[in-house]
Amino acid sequence: MASAKIKKGDNVVVLSGKDKGQTGTVTKVMPKEGKVIVEGVNVATRHRKPSQVNPQGGIERFAAPMPLGKVAVADPKTGKPTRVRFEEKDGKKVRVAVKSGETIDG
């Protein structure tokens, strides 16, 4: 898998699926699996039996991993999805939004 241009802490927009158009913050990136976990997006539920650790039991909701290709970095200026390119500024390699030319980090 190629190096991901999406990092933990990025604001991203979902491009397809049931959560299309939603935005959220990346909580975890799994580059080997090609997946990403976005806070509040792709929420799955599990019905848990009561146990010693969780005596109440109940329904557990959590953000499930989704493919990297279904999300794009949100442009810092407009909030719309954009591609990312790398540029060198002041001797540092930084990520830049293709649509607006804004620096994403650094």
Protein backbone atom coordinates (compact mmCIF):
# COMPACT_ATOMS: atom_id res chain seq x y z
CA MET A 1 0.00 0.00 0.00
CA ALA A 2 1.29 3.48 -0.87
CA SER A 3 2.01 5.97 1.88
CA ALA A 4 -1.21 7.51 3.15
CA LYS A 5 -1.61 11.25 2.85
CA ILE A 6 -4.13 11.17 5.70
CA LYS A 7 -2.81 11.40 9.26
CA LYS A 8 -4.23 11.11 12.76
CA GLY A 9 -5.93 14.36 13.75
CA ASP A 10 -6.86 15.41 10.18
CA ASN A 11 -10.34 16.68 9.40
CA VAL A 12 -11.76 14.51 6.62
CA VAL A 13 -14.91 14.33 4.47
CA VAL A 14 -16.60 10.99 3.64
CA LEU A 15 -16.90 10.62 -0.15
CA SER A 16 -19.25 7.62 -0.46
CA GLY A 17 -21.46 5.22 1.45
CA LYS A 18 -24.16 5.74 4.07
CA ASP A 19 -22.20 8.57 5.76
CA LYS A 20 -21.47 10.49 2.52
CA GLY A 21 -20.84 14.19 3.12
CA GLN A 22 -20.16 13.84 6.86
CA THR A 23 -16.99 15.29 8.30
CA GLY A 24 -14.96 14.11 11.27
CA THR A 25 -11.54 13.86 12.83
CA VAL A 26 -9.28 10.87 12.17
CA THR A 27 -8.62 8.96 15.40
CA LYS A 28 -6.56 6.11 13.94
CA VAL A 29 -4.89 5.25 10.61
CA MET A 30 -4.10 1.64 9.67
CA PRO A 31 -1.93 1.93 6.53
CA LYS A 32 -1.22 -1.80 6.16
CA GLU A 33 -4.96 -2.58 6.05
CA GLY A 34 -5.71 0.59 4.06
CA LYS A 35 -8.28 1.68 6.64
CA VAL A 36 -9.01 4.69 8.80
CA ILE A 37 -11.22 5.31 11.85
CA VAL A 38 -13.10 8.62 11.85
CA GLU A 39 -14.74 9.95 15.02
CA GLY A 40 -18.56 9.85 14.79
CA VAL A 41 -18.63 8.31 11.30
CA ASN A 42 -19.42 4.69 10.32
CA VAL A 43 -20.80 3.96 13.80
CA ALA A 44 -21.40 0.27 14.51
CA THR A 45 -23.28 -1.29 17.43
CA ARG A 46 -22.66 -4.42 19.49
CA HIS A 47 -25.12 -5.93 21.93
CA ARG A 48 -23.07 -6.95 24.98
CA LYS A 49 -24.12 -9.49 27.58
CA PRO A 50 -23.62 -8.52 31.21
CA SER A 51 -20.23 -9.68 32.50
CA GLN A 52 -17.99 -9.11 35.52
CA VAL A 53 -16.16 -6.35 33.68
CA ASN A 54 -19.41 -4.75 32.45
CA PRO A 55 -22.21 -5.84 34.83
CA GLN A 56 -24.80 -3.61 33.14
CA GLY A 57 -24.35 -5.00 29.62
CA GLY A 58 -26.29 -3.15 26.90
CA ILE A 59 -25.66 -1.69 23.48
CA GLU A 60 -22.11 -0.51 22.72
CA ARG A 61 -21.60 2.02 19.90
CA PHE A 62 -18.18 2.57 18.32
CA ALA A 63 -16.62 3.99 15.14
CA ALA A 64 -15.72 1.11 12.82
CA PRO A 65 -12.79 1.24 10.35
CA MET A 66 -13.52 2.37 6.82
CA PRO A 67 -11.43 2.26 3.62
CA LEU A 68 -8.93 5.10 3.07
CA GLY A 69 -10.29 5.63 -0.43
CA LYS A 70 -13.70 6.63 0.93
CA VAL A 71 -12.36 9.70 2.74
CA ALA A 72 -10.56 12.85 1.59
CA VAL A 73 -8.85 15.57 3.58
CA ALA A 74 -11.09 18.61 4.15
CA ASP A 75 -9.68 21.82 2.67
CA PRO A 76 -8.69 24.15 5.55
CA LYS A 77 -10.19 27.14 3.71
CA THR A 78 -13.53 25.77 2.42
CA GLY A 79 -14.10 22.49 4.28
CA LYS A 80 -14.69 20.69 0.98
CA PRO A 81 -12.78 17.52 0.03
CA THR A 82 -9.39 18.03 -1.62
CA ARG A 83 -6.40 16.02 -2.72
CA VAL A 84 -3.06 16.47 -0.99
CA ARG A 85 0.39 17.05 -2.42
CA PHE A 86 3.76 17.45 -0.76
CA GLU A 87 5.85 20.60 -1.13
CA GLU A 88 9.06 21.82 0.45
CA LYS A 89 8.73 25.09 2.37
CA ASP A 90 11.61 26.51 4.43
CA GLY A 91 13.48 23.19 4.08
CA LYS A 92 10.53 21.21 5.50
CA LYS A 93 8.30 18.75 3.68
CA VAL A 94 4.68 19.90 4.22
CA ARG A 95 1.27 18.75 3.01
CA VAL A 96 -0.62 21.21 0.82
CA ALA A 97 -4.29 21.18 -0.27
CA VAL A 98 -4.43 20.97 -4.07
CA LYS A 99 -7.63 23.07 -4.46
CA SER A 100 -6.68 26.11 -2.37
CA GLY A 101 -2.91 25.81 -1.95
CA GLU A 102 -3.29 26.08 1.85
CA THR A 103 -0.75 24.29 4.06
CA ILE A 104 -2.42 21.47 6.00
CA ASP A 105 0.29 20.95 8.64
CA GLY A 106 3.40 22.80 9.70
